[in-house]
Amino acid sequence: MSPVASDWATKGAHIHIPLKKGKEHEVSITVDKDGNIQGAPIRLEDGWASDKSVQQAVDAVNNDPKLRADLLAKAKSAKEHMDTHNWGNSQNRSAEMQALIDKLENWP
């Protein structure tokens, strides 16, 4: 899980997927139009997260209650920062974060 930081305003909620040799992928976690958890690859210096990493992140959220609780707490914290400080961005993902909070609070 990514710690709450200003990159949540641009990347949204995201999970780190460890790879070999100390590298990692980042996967954005959102809620789709049907209310399901979805993932999207984030591009880092080494390229985009793979489809496998995206699926691994979605599966982790769907299957791990501790991860969901951590994600919920961090999403709430990030939304509060976005709404009060905006982390210096003219646009952020507050509405997207609220949809994720609503989903996680009312799991499944």
PDB file of N, CA and C in Angstrom:
ATOM      1  N   MET A   1       0.842  -1.167   0.000  1.00  0.00           N
ATOM      2  CA  MET A   1       0.000   0.000   0.000  1.00  0.00           C
ATOM      3  C   MET A   1       0.886   1.229   0.000  1.00  0.00           C
ATOM      4  N   SER A   2       0.523   2.177  -0.793  1.00  0.00           N
ATOM      5  CA  SER A   2       1.270   3.420  -0.838  1.00  0.00           C
ATOM      6  C   SER A   2       0.912   4.285   0.362  1.00  0.00           C
ATOM      7  N   PRO A   3       1.907   4.930   0.991  1.00  0.00           N
ATOM      8  CA  PRO A   3       1.564   5.864   2.060  1.00  0.00           C
ATOM      9  C   PRO A   3       0.830   7.073   1.482  1.00  0.00           C
ATOM     10  N   VAL A   4       0.001   7.705   2.313  1.00  0.00           N
ATOM     11  CA  VAL A   4      -0.709   8.899   1.853  1.00  0.00           C
ATOM     12  C   VAL A   4       0.308  10.017   1.667  1.00  0.00           C
ATOM     13  N   ALA A   5       0.344  10.564   0.480  1.00  0.00           N
ATOM     14  CA  ALA A   5       1.239  11.666   0.148  1.00  0.00           C
ATOM     15  C   ALA A   5       0.595  12.462  -0.978  1.00  0.00           C
ATOM     16  N   SER A   6       1.231  13.537  -1.362  1.00  0.00           N
ATOM     17  CA  SER A   6       0.641  14.416  -2.373  1.00  0.00           C
ATOM     18  C   SER A   6       0.411  13.719  -3.707  1.00  0.00           C
ATOM     19  N   ASP A   7       1.107  12.609  -3.976  1.00  0.00           N
ATOM     20  CA  ASP A   7       0.877  11.920  -5.249  1.00  0.00           C
ATOM     21  C   ASP A   7      -0.502  11.264  -5.314  1.00  0.00           C
ATOM     22  N   TRP A   8      -1.195  11.135  -4.193  1.00  0.00           N
ATOM     23  CA  TRP A   8      -2.569  10.628  -4.227  1.00  0.00           C
ATOM     24  C   TRP A   8      -3.488  11.623  -4.936  1.00  0.00           C
ATOM     25  N   ALA A   9      -3.122  12.904  -4.960  1.00  0.00           N
ATOM     26  CA  ALA A   9      -3.934  13.905  -5.663  1.00  0.00           C
ATOM     27  C   ALA A   9      -3.839  13.724  -7.171  1.00  0.00           C
ATOM     28  N   THR A  10      -2.739  13.184  -7.660  1.00  0.00           N
ATOM     29  CA  THR A  10      -2.578  12.978  -9.101  1.00  0.00           C
ATOM     30  C   THR A  10      -2.787  11.524  -9.512  1.00  0.00           C
ATOM     31  N   LYS A  11      -2.327  10.580  -8.691  1.00  0.00           N
ATOM     32  CA  LYS A  11      -2.447   9.155  -9.022  1.00  0.00           C
ATOM     33  C   LYS A  11      -3.716   8.530  -8.450  1.00  0.00           C
ATOM     34  N   GLY A  12      -4.297   9.155  -7.445  1.00  0.00           N
ATOM     35  CA  GLY A  12      -5.404   8.548  -6.725  1.00  0.00           C
ATOM     36  C   GLY A  12      -4.872   7.499  -5.763  1.00  0.00           C
ATOM     37  N   ALA A  13      -5.790   6.743  -5.168  1.00  0.00           N
ATOM     38  CA  ALA A  13      -5.383   5.656  -4.280  1.00  0.00           C
ATOM     39  C   ALA A  13      -4.585   4.656  -5.109  1.00  0.00           C
ATOM     40  N   HIS A  14      -3.475   4.200  -4.573  1.00  0.00           N
ATOM     41  CA  HIS A  14      -2.676   3.250  -5.339  1.00  0.00           C
ATOM     42  C   HIS A  14      -1.921   2.292  -4.431  1.00  0.00           C
ATOM     43  N   ILE A  15      -1.654   1.141  -5.002  1.00  0.00           N
ATOM     44  CA  ILE A  15      -0.990   0.047  -4.304  1.00  0.00           C
ATOM     45  C   ILE A  15       0.334  -0.244  -4.995  1.00  0.00           C
ATOM     46  N   HIS A  16       1.345  -0.527  -4.186  1.00  0.00           N
ATOM     47  CA  HIS A  16       2.653  -0.926  -4.701  1.00  0.00           C
ATOM     48  C   HIS A  16       2.697  -2.448  -4.785  1.00  0.00           C
ATOM     49  N   ILE A  17       3.070  -2.952  -5.940  1.00  0.00           N
ATOM     50  CA  ILE A  17       3.224  -4.393  -6.154  1.00  0.00           C
ATOM     51  C   ILE A  17       4.718  -4.683  -6.278  1.00  0.00           C
ATOM     52  N   PRO A  18       5.302  -5.396  -5.297  1.00  0.00           N
ATOM     53  CA  PRO A  18       6.737  -5.667  -5.353  1.00  0.00           C
ATOM     54  C   PRO A  18       7.103  -6.591  -6.513  1.00  0.00           C
ATOM     55  N   LEU A  19       8.230  -6.297  -7.122  1.00  0.00           N
ATOM     56  CA  LEU A  19       8.786  -7.119  -8.193  1.00  0.00           C
ATOM     57  C   LEU A  19      10.154  -7.620  -7.750  1.00  0.00           C
ATOM     58  N   LYS A  20      10.836  -8.309  -8.617  1.00  0.00           N
ATOM     59  CA  LYS A  20      12.185  -8.780  -8.316  1.00  0.00           C
ATOM     60  C   LYS A  20      13.169  -7.614  -8.357  1.00  0.00           C
ATOM     61  N   LYS A  21      14.284  -7.801  -7.705  1.00  0.00           N
ATOM     62  CA  LYS A  21      15.393  -6.855  -7.705  1.00  0.00           C
ATOM     63  C   LYS A  21      15.008  -5.499  -7.119  1.00  0.00           C
ATOM     64  N   GLY A  22      14.103  -5.500  -6.136  1.00  0.00           N
ATOM     65  CA  GLY A  22      13.757  -4.269  -5.439  1.00  0.00           C
ATOM     66  C   GLY A  22      12.892  -3.292  -6.207  1.00  0.00           C
ATOM     67  N   LYS A  23      12.430  -3.680  -7.368  1.00  0.00           N
ATOM     68  CA  LYS A  23      11.568  -2.801  -8.157  1.00  0.00           C
ATOM     69  C   LYS A  23      10.118  -3.051  -7.775  1.00  0.00           C
ATOM     70  N   GLU A  24       9.250  -2.162  -8.238  1.00  0.00           N
ATOM     71  CA  GLU A  24       7.833  -2.321  -7.950  1.00  0.00           C
ATOM     72  C   GLU A  24       6.994  -1.678  -9.038  1.00  0.00           C
ATOM     73  N   HIS A  25       5.756  -2.125  -9.116  1.00  0.00           N
ATOM     74  CA  HIS A  25       4.752  -1.493  -9.960  1.00  0.00           C
ATOM     75  C   HIS A  25       3.794  -0.741  -9.045  1.00  0.00           C
ATOM     76  N   GLU A  26       3.165   0.294  -9.582  1.00  0.00           N
ATOM     77  CA  GLU A  26       2.106   0.988  -8.864  1.00  0.00           C
ATOM     78  C   GLU A  26       0.823   0.821  -9.655  1.00  0.00           C
ATOM     79  N   VAL A  27      -0.261   0.540  -8.932  1.00  0.00           N
ATOM     80  CA  VAL A  27      -1.564   0.324  -9.552  1.00  0.00           C
ATOM     81  C   VAL A  27      -2.580   1.232  -8.870  1.00  0.00           C
ATOM     82  N   SER A  28      -3.262   2.034  -9.660  1.00  0.00           N
ATOM     83  CA  SER A  28      -4.327   2.895  -9.163  1.00  0.00           C
ATOM     84  C   SER A  28      -5.562   2.051  -8.869  1.00  0.00           C
ATOM     85  N   ILE A  29      -6.219   2.331  -7.748  1.00  0.00           N
ATOM     86  CA  ILE A  29      -7.419   1.595  -7.343  1.00  0.00           C
ATOM     87  C   ILE A  29      -8.603   2.564  -7.333  1.00  0.00           C
ATOM     88  N   THR A  30      -9.637   2.230  -8.100  1.00  0.00           N
ATOM     89  CA  THR A  30     -10.847   3.044  -8.171  1.00  0.00           C
ATOM     90  C   THR A  30     -12.067   2.126  -8.171  1.00  0.00           C
ATOM     91  N   VAL A  31     -13.239   2.743  -8.299  1.00  0.00           N
ATOM     92  CA  VAL A  31     -14.500   2.008  -8.382  1.00  0.00           C
ATOM     93  C   VAL A  31     -15.073   2.239  -9.771  1.00  0.00           C
ATOM     94  N   ASP A  32     -15.471   1.157 -10.449  1.00  0.00           N
ATOM     95  CA  ASP A  32     -16.024   1.309 -11.800  1.00  0.00           C
ATOM     96  C   ASP A  32     -17.495   1.720 -11.740  1.00  0.00           C
ATOM     97  N   LYS A  33     -18.099   1.917 -12.899  1.00  0.00           N
ATOM     98  CA  LYS A  33     -19.484   2.406 -12.980  1.00  0.00           C
ATOM     99  C   LYS A  33     -20.488   1.431 -12.376  1.00  0.00           C
ATOM    100  N   ASP A  34     -20.091   0.162 -12.236  1.00  0.00           N
ATOM    101  CA  ASP A  34     -20.967  -0.853 -11.653  1.00  0.00           C
ATOM    102  C   ASP A  34     -20.719  -1.054 -10.159  1.00  0.00           C
ATOM    103  N   GLY A  35     -19.812  -0.261  -9.592  1.00  0.00           N
ATOM    104  CA  GLY A  35     -19.524  -0.359  -8.167  1.00  0.00           C
ATOM    105  C   GLY A  35     -18.494  -1.395  -7.791  1.00  0.00           C
ATOM    106  N   ASN A  36     -17.735  -1.874  -8.757  1.00  0.00           N
ATOM    107  CA  ASN A  36     -16.694  -2.875  -8.506  1.00  0.00           C
ATOM    108  C   ASN A  36     -15.322  -2.215  -8.404  1.00  0.00           C
ATOM    109  N   ILE A  37     -14.448  -2.831  -7.639  1.00  0.00           N
ATOM    110  CA  ILE A  37     -13.066  -2.361  -7.556  1.00  0.00           C
ATOM    111  C   ILE A  37     -12.389  -2.614  -8.896  1.00  0.00           C
ATOM    112  N   GLN A  38     -11.676  -1.605  -9.376  1.00  0.00           N
ATOM    113  CA  GLN A  38     -10.903  -1.772 -10.610  1.00  0.00           C
ATOM    114  C   GLN A  38      -9.506  -1.198 -10.400  1.00  0.00           C
ATOM    115  N   GLY A  39      -8.591  -1.671 -11.208  1.00  0.00           N
ATOM    116  CA  GLY A  39      -7.222  -1.189 -11.155  1.00  0.00           C
ATOM    117  C   GLY A  39      -6.807  -0.639 -12.500  1.00  0.00           C
ATOM    118  N   ALA A  40      -5.830   0.249 -12.465  1.00  0.00           N
ATOM    119  CA  ALA A  40      -5.272   0.804 -13.696  1.00  0.00           C
ATOM    120  C   ALA A  40      -3.770   0.963 -13.499  1.00  0.00           C
ATOM    121  N   PRO A  41      -3.000   0.665 -14.531  1.00  0.00           N
ATOM    122  CA  PRO A  41      -1.549   0.781 -14.398  1.00  0.00           C
ATOM    123  C   PRO A  41      -1.111   2.232 -14.267  1.00  0.00           C
ATOM    124  N   ILE A  42      -0.084   2.446 -13.473  1.00  0.00           N
ATOM    125  CA  ILE A  42       0.553   3.755 -13.342  1.00  0.00           C
ATOM    126  C   ILE A  42       1.935   3.639 -13.959  1.00  0.00           C
ATOM    127  N   ARG A  43       2.340   4.666 -14.693  1.00  0.00           N
ATOM    128  CA  ARG A  43       3.658   4.650 -15.329  1.00  0.00           C
ATOM    129  C   ARG A  43       4.703   5.223 -14.381  1.00  0.00           C
ATOM    130  N   LEU A  44       5.763   4.469 -14.200  1.00  0.00           N
ATOM    131  CA  LEU A  44       6.921   4.908 -13.435  1.00  0.00           C
ATOM    132  C   LEU A  44       8.120   4.975 -14.371  1.00  0.00           C
ATOM    133  N   GLU A  45       9.286   5.246 -13.831  1.00  0.00           N
ATOM    134  CA  GLU A  45      10.497   5.357 -14.660  1.00  0.00           C
ATOM    135  C   GLU A  45      10.745   4.116 -15.501  1.00  0.00           C
ATOM    136  N   ASP A  46      10.425   2.943 -14.954  1.00  0.00           N
ATOM    137  CA  ASP A  46      10.673   1.682 -15.657  1.00  0.00           C
ATOM    138  C   ASP A  46       9.531   1.263 -16.570  1.00  0.00           C
ATOM    139  N   GLY A  47       8.513   2.099 -16.698  1.00  0.00           N
ATOM    140  CA  GLY A  47       7.389   1.767 -17.565  1.00  0.00           C
ATOM    141  C   GLY A  47       6.105   1.567 -16.781  1.00  0.00           C
ATOM    142  N   TRP A  48       5.125   1.037 -17.478  1.00  0.00           N
ATOM    143  CA  TRP A  48       3.787   0.856 -16.924  1.00  0.00           C
ATOM    144  C   TRP A  48       3.697  -0.417 -16.095  1.00  0.00           C
ATOM    145  N   ALA A  49       2.807  -0.405 -15.107  1.00  0.00           N
ATOM    146  CA  ALA A  49       2.495  -1.631 -14.376  1.00  0.00           C
ATOM    147  C   ALA A  49       1.899  -2.634 -15.361  1.00  0.00           C
ATOM    148  N   SER A  50       2.229  -3.881 -15.180  1.00  0.00           N
ATOM    149  CA  SER A  50       1.748  -4.937 -16.077  1.00  0.00           C
ATOM    150  C   SER A  50       0.297  -5.296 -15.762  1.00  0.00           C
ATOM    151  N   ASP A  51      -0.345  -5.976 -16.716  1.00  0.00           N
ATOM    152  CA  ASP A  51      -1.704  -6.480 -16.487  1.00  0.00           C
ATOM    153  C   ASP A  51      -1.727  -7.420 -15.280  1.00  0.00           C
ATOM    154  N   LYS A  52      -0.674  -8.208 -15.127  1.00  0.00           N
ATOM    155  CA  LYS A  52      -0.579  -9.132 -13.996  1.00  0.00           C
ATOM    156  C   LYS A  52      -0.554  -8.362 -12.675  1.00  0.00           C
ATOM    157  N   SER A  53       0.200  -7.276 -12.619  1.00  0.00           N
ATOM    158  CA  SER A  53       0.262  -6.467 -11.402  1.00  0.00           C
ATOM    159  C   SER A  53      -1.078  -5.803 -11.113  1.00  0.00           C
ATOM    160  N   VAL A  54      -1.758  -5.335 -12.160  1.00  0.00           N
ATOM    161  CA  VAL A  54      -3.077  -4.725 -11.985  1.00  0.00           C
ATOM    162  C   VAL A  54      -4.042  -5.750 -11.394  1.00  0.00           C
ATOM    163  N   GLN A  55      -4.058  -6.955 -11.950  1.00  0.00           N
ATOM    164  CA  GLN A  55      -4.956  -7.995 -11.439  1.00  0.00           C
ATOM    165  C   GLN A  55      -4.590  -8.387 -10.016  1.00  0.00           C
ATOM    166  N   GLN A  56      -3.302  -8.451  -9.730  1.00  0.00           N
ATOM    167  CA  GLN A  56      -2.846  -8.788  -8.381  1.00  0.00           C
ATOM    168  C   GLN A  56      -3.340  -7.740  -7.378  1.00  0.00           C
ATOM    169  N   ALA A  57      -3.291  -6.470  -7.746  1.00  0.00           N
ATOM    170  CA  ALA A  57      -3.754  -5.400  -6.859  1.00  0.00           C
ATOM    171  C   ALA A  57      -5.260  -5.489  -6.628  1.00  0.00           C
ATOM    172  N   VAL A  58      -6.023  -5.698  -7.692  1.00  0.00           N
ATOM    173  CA  VAL A  58      -7.484  -5.816  -7.572  1.00  0.00           C
ATOM    174  C   VAL A  58      -7.845  -7.025  -6.710  1.00  0.00           C
ATOM    175  N   ASP A  59      -7.189  -8.153  -6.949  1.00  0.00           N
ATOM    176  CA  ASP A  59      -7.447  -9.357  -6.154  1.00  0.00           C
ATOM    177  C   ASP A  59      -7.130  -9.115  -4.676  1.00  0.00           C
ATOM    178  N   ALA A  60      -6.048  -8.397  -4.411  1.00  0.00           N
ATOM    179  CA  ALA A  60      -5.666  -8.118  -3.025  1.00  0.00           C
ATOM    180  C   ALA A  60      -6.742  -7.288  -2.326  1.00  0.00           C
ATOM    181  N   VAL A  61      -7.243  -6.265  -2.986  1.00  0.00           N
ATOM    182  CA  VAL A  61      -8.298  -5.441  -2.384  1.00  0.00           C
ATOM    183  C   VAL A  61      -9.555  -6.275  -2.158  1.00  0.00           C
ATOM    184  N   ASN A  62      -9.918  -7.076  -3.142  1.00  0.00           N
ATOM    185  CA  ASN A  62     -11.138  -7.877  -3.038  1.00  0.00           C
ATOM    186  C   ASN A  62     -11.058  -8.968  -1.974  1.00  0.00           C
ATOM    187  N   ASN A  63      -9.854  -9.469  -1.687  1.00  0.00           N
ATOM    188  CA  ASN A  63      -9.719 -10.646  -0.832  1.00  0.00           C
ATOM    189  C   ASN A  63      -9.090 -10.408   0.536  1.00  0.00           C
ATOM    190  N   ASP A  64      -8.566  -9.221   0.790  1.00  0.00           N
ATOM    191  CA  ASP A  64      -7.828  -8.986   2.034  1.00  0.00           C
ATOM    192  C   ASP A  64      -8.509  -7.901   2.876  1.00  0.00           C
ATOM    193  N   PRO A  65      -9.245  -8.287   3.920  1.00  0.00           N
ATOM    194  CA  PRO A  65      -9.942  -7.295   4.743  1.00  0.00           C
ATOM    195  C   PRO A  65      -9.000  -6.293   5.421  1.00  0.00           C
ATOM    196  N   LYS A  66      -7.799  -6.738   5.799  1.00  0.00           N
ATOM    197  CA  LYS A  66      -6.841  -5.816   6.426  1.00  0.00           C
ATOM    198  C   LYS A  66      -6.374  -4.766   5.422  1.00  0.00           C
ATOM    199  N   LEU A  67      -6.136  -5.186   4.196  1.00  0.00           N
ATOM    200  CA  LEU A  67      -5.737  -4.239   3.155  1.00  0.00           C
ATOM    201  C   LEU A  67      -6.865  -3.245   2.891  1.00  0.00           C
ATOM    202  N   ARG A  68      -8.107  -3.727   2.841  1.00  0.00           N
ATOM    203  CA  ARG A  68      -9.248  -2.825   2.625  1.00  0.00           C
ATOM    204  C   ARG A  68      -9.361  -1.805   3.750  1.00  0.00           C
ATOM    205  N   ALA A  69      -9.162  -2.248   4.996  1.00  0.00           N
ATOM    206  CA  ALA A  69      -9.226  -1.324   6.132  1.00  0.00           C
ATOM    207  C   ALA A  69      -8.133  -0.267   6.029  1.00  0.00           C
ATOM    208  N   ASP A  70      -6.934  -0.688   5.646  1.00  0.00           N
ATOM    209  CA  ASP A  70      -5.821   0.247   5.466  1.00  0.00           C
ATOM    210  C   ASP A  70      -6.118   1.214   4.323  1.00  0.00           C
ATOM    211  N   LEU A  71      -6.633   0.687   3.227  1.00  0.00           N
ATOM    212  CA  LEU A  71      -6.977   1.517   2.073  1.00  0.00           C
ATOM    213  C   LEU A  71      -8.053   2.532   2.447  1.00  0.00           C
ATOM    214  N   LEU A  72      -9.052   2.113   3.207  1.00  0.00           N
ATOM    215  CA  LEU A  72     -10.120   3.016   3.629  1.00  0.00           C
ATOM    216  C   LEU A  72      -9.563   4.149   4.487  1.00  0.00           C
ATOM    217  N   ALA A  73      -8.744   3.826   5.462  1.00  0.00           N
ATOM    218  CA  ALA A  73      -8.163   4.854   6.330  1.00  0.00           C
ATOM    219  C   ALA A  73      -7.325   5.840   5.526  1.00  0.00           C
ATOM    220  N   LYS A  74      -6.539   5.328   4.600  1.00  0.00           N
ATOM    221  CA  LYS A  74      -5.680   6.199   3.795  1.00  0.00           C
ATOM    222  C   LYS A  74      -6.488   7.019   2.803  1.00  0.00           C
ATOM    223  N   ALA A  75      -7.546   6.441   2.249  1.00  0.00           N
ATOM    224  CA  ALA A  75      -8.402   7.192   1.323  1.00  0.00           C
ATOM    225  C   ALA A  75      -9.084   8.347   2.047  1.00  0.00           C
ATOM    226  N   LYS A  76      -9.545   8.107   3.269  1.00  0.00           N
ATOM    227  CA  LYS A  76     -10.172   9.180   4.053  1.00  0.00           C
ATOM    228  C   LYS A  76      -9.170  10.289   4.348  1.00  0.00           C
ATOM    229  N   SER A  77      -7.965   9.911   4.741  1.00  0.00           N
ATOM    230  CA  SER A  77      -6.930  10.897   5.031  1.00  0.00           C
ATOM    231  C   SER A  77      -6.566  11.698   3.783  1.00  0.00           C
ATOM    232  N   ALA A  78      -6.407  11.000   2.673  1.00  0.00           N
ATOM    233  CA  ALA A  78      -6.057  11.680   1.420  1.00  0.00           C
ATOM    234  C   ALA A  78      -7.163  12.636   0.996  1.00  0.00           C
ATOM    235  N   LYS A  79      -8.414  12.215   1.118  1.00  0.00           N
ATOM    236  CA  LYS A  79      -9.535  13.078   0.738  1.00  0.00           C
ATOM    237  C   LYS A  79      -9.568  14.328   1.606  1.00  0.00           C
ATOM    238  N   GLU A  80      -9.328  14.158   2.902  1.00  0.00           N
ATOM    239  CA  GLU A  80      -9.301  15.321   3.792  1.00  0.00           C
ATOM    240  C   GLU A  80      -8.224  16.313   3.354  1.00  0.00           C
ATOM    241  N   HIS A  81      -7.040  15.796   3.029  1.00  0.00           N
ATOM    242  CA  HIS A  81      -5.966  16.672   2.545  1.00  0.00           C
ATOM    243  C   HIS A  81      -6.360  17.356   1.240  1.00  0.00           C
ATOM    244  N   MET A  82      -6.959  16.601   0.335  1.00  0.00           N
ATOM    245  CA  MET A  82      -7.368  17.176  -0.949  1.00  0.00           C
ATOM    246  C   MET A  82      -8.400  18.277  -0.753  1.00  0.00           C
ATOM    247  N   ASP A  83      -9.346  18.043   0.149  1.00  0.00           N
ATOM    248  CA  ASP A  83     -10.426  19.006   0.348  1.00  0.00           C
ATOM    249  C   ASP A  83      -9.984  20.247   1.108  1.00  0.00           C
ATOM    250  N   THR A  84      -8.973  20.123   1.970  1.00  0.00           N
ATOM    251  CA  THR A  84      -8.577  21.265   2.789  1.00  0.00           C
ATOM    252  C   THR A  84      -7.308  21.955   2.310  1.00  0.00           C
ATOM    253  N   HIS A  85      -6.374  21.205   1.796  1.00  0.00           N
ATOM    254  CA  HIS A  85      -5.093  21.791   1.388  1.00  0.00           C
ATOM    255  C   HIS A  85      -4.878  21.745  -0.119  1.00  0.00           C
ATOM    256  N   ASN A  86      -5.501  20.802  -0.767  1.00  0.00           N
ATOM    257  CA  ASN A  86      -5.391  20.571  -2.208  1.00  0.00           C
ATOM    258  C   ASN A  86      -3.974  20.256  -2.650  1.00  0.00           C
ATOM    259  N   TRP A  87      -3.050  20.103  -1.718  1.00  0.00           N
ATOM    260  CA  TRP A  87      -1.679  19.709  -2.036  1.00  0.00           C
ATOM    261  C   TRP A  87      -1.089  20.510  -3.192  1.00  0.00           C
ATOM    262  N   GLY A  88      -1.554  21.733  -3.367  1.00  0.00           N
ATOM    263  CA  GLY A  88      -0.991  22.606  -4.386  1.00  0.00           C
ATOM    264  C   GLY A  88      -1.435  22.305  -5.796  1.00  0.00           C
ATOM    265  N   ASN A  89      -2.410  21.421  -5.968  1.00  0.00           N
ATOM    266  CA  ASN A  89      -2.884  21.069  -7.305  1.00  0.00           C
ATOM    267  C   ASN A  89      -4.165  21.817  -7.616  1.00  0.00           C
ATOM    268  N   SER A  90      -4.325  22.240  -8.850  1.00  0.00           N
ATOM    269  CA  SER A  90      -5.562  22.916  -9.233  1.00  0.00           C
ATOM    270  C   SER A  90      -6.706  21.924  -9.350  1.00  0.00           C
ATOM    271  N   GLN A  91      -6.399  20.668  -9.618  1.00  0.00           N
ATOM    272  CA  GLN A  91      -7.401  19.607  -9.674  1.00  0.00           C
ATOM    273  C   GLN A  91      -6.887  18.430  -8.862  1.00  0.00           C
ATOM    274  N   ASN A  92      -7.826  17.697  -8.285  1.00  0.00           N
ATOM    275  CA  ASN A  92      -7.422  16.499  -7.560  1.00  0.00           C
ATOM    276  C   ASN A  92      -8.481  15.423  -7.742  1.00  0.00           C
ATOM    277  N   ARG A  93      -8.379  14.371  -6.997  1.00  0.00           N
ATOM    278  CA  ARG A  93      -9.251  13.208  -7.167  1.00  0.00           C
ATOM    279  C   ARG A  93     -10.191  13.024  -5.973  1.00  0.00           C
ATOM    280  N   SER A  94     -10.658  14.113  -5.400  1.00  0.00           N
ATOM    281  CA  SER A  94     -11.516  14.025  -4.226  1.00  0.00           C
ATOM    282  C   SER A  94     -12.795  13.243  -4.499  1.00  0.00           C
ATOM    283  N   ALA A  95     -13.466  13.510  -5.606  1.00  0.00           N
ATOM    284  CA  ALA A  95     -14.716  12.805  -5.922  1.00  0.00           C
ATOM    285  C   ALA A  95     -14.456  11.313  -6.135  1.00  0.00           C
ATOM    286  N   GLU A  96     -13.376  10.997  -6.823  1.00  0.00           N
ATOM    287  CA  GLU A  96     -12.990   9.597  -7.037  1.00  0.00           C
ATOM    288  C   GLU A  96     -12.693   8.919  -5.702  1.00  0.00           C
ATOM    289  N   MET A  97     -12.024   9.657  -4.811  1.00  0.00           N
ATOM    290  CA  MET A  97     -11.689   9.113  -3.501  1.00  0.00           C
ATOM    291  C   MET A  97     -12.966   8.844  -2.700  1.00  0.00           C
ATOM    292  N   GLN A  98     -13.963   9.741  -2.812  1.00  0.00           N
ATOM    293  CA  GLN A  98     -15.216   9.541  -2.083  1.00  0.00           C
ATOM    294  C   GLN A  98     -15.929   8.280  -2.558  1.00  0.00           C
ATOM    295  N   ALA A  99     -15.906   8.017  -3.852  1.00  0.00           N
ATOM    296  CA  ALA A  99     -16.529   6.794  -4.378  1.00  0.00           C
ATOM    297  C   ALA A  99     -15.846   5.556  -3.800  1.00  0.00           C
ATOM    298  N   LEU A 100     -14.531   5.600  -3.685  1.00  0.00           N
ATOM    299  CA  LEU A 100     -13.794   4.474  -3.108  1.00  0.00           C
ATOM    300  C   LEU A 100     -14.129   4.322  -1.624  1.00  0.00           C
ATOM    301  N   ILE A 101     -14.189   5.430  -0.902  1.00  0.00           N
ATOM    302  CA  ILE A 101     -14.547   5.396   0.518  1.00  0.00           C
ATOM    303  C   ILE A 101     -15.929   4.773   0.695  1.00  0.00           C
ATOM    304  N   ASP A 102     -16.889   5.223  -0.105  1.00  0.00           N
ATOM    305  CA  ASP A 102     -18.251   4.685  -0.015  1.00  0.00           C
ATOM    306  C   ASP A 102     -18.266   3.177  -0.253  1.00  0.00           C
ATOM    307  N   LYS A 103     -17.531   2.719  -1.246  1.00  0.00           N
ATOM    308  CA  LYS A 103     -17.469   1.286  -1.555  1.00  0.00           C
ATOM    309  C   LYS A 103     -16.865   0.509  -0.391  1.00  0.00           C
ATOM    310  N   LEU A 104     -15.757   0.998   0.140  1.00  0.00           N
ATOM    311  CA  LEU A 104     -15.067   0.277   1.205  1.00  0.00           C
ATOM    312  C   LEU A 104     -15.863   0.291   2.508  1.00  0.00           C
ATOM    313  N   GLU A 105     -16.570   1.375   2.782  1.00  0.00           N
ATOM    314  CA  GLU A 105     -17.381   1.440   3.998  1.00  0.00           C
ATOM    315  C   GLU A 105     -18.592   0.518   3.924  1.00  0.00           C
ATOM    316  N   ASN A 106     -19.051   0.241   2.726  1.00  0.00           N
ATOM    317  CA  ASN A 106     -20.238  -0.589   2.528  1.00  0.00           C
ATOM    318  C   ASN A 106     -19.902  -1.917   1.864  1.00  0.00           C
ATOM    319  N   TRP A 107     -18.712  -2.454   2.174  1.00  0.00           N
ATOM    320  CA  TRP A 107     -18.236  -3.694   1.548  1.00  0.00           C
ATOM    321  C   TRP A 107     -19.208  -4.815   1.830  1.00  0.00           C
ATOM    322  N   PRO A 108     -19.480  -5.703   0.939  1.00  0.00           N
ATOM    323  CA  PRO A 108     -19.061  -5.777  -0.440  1.00  0.00           C
ATOM    324  C   PRO A 108     -19.970  -4.955  -1.249  1.00  0.00           C
TER     325      PRO A 108
END
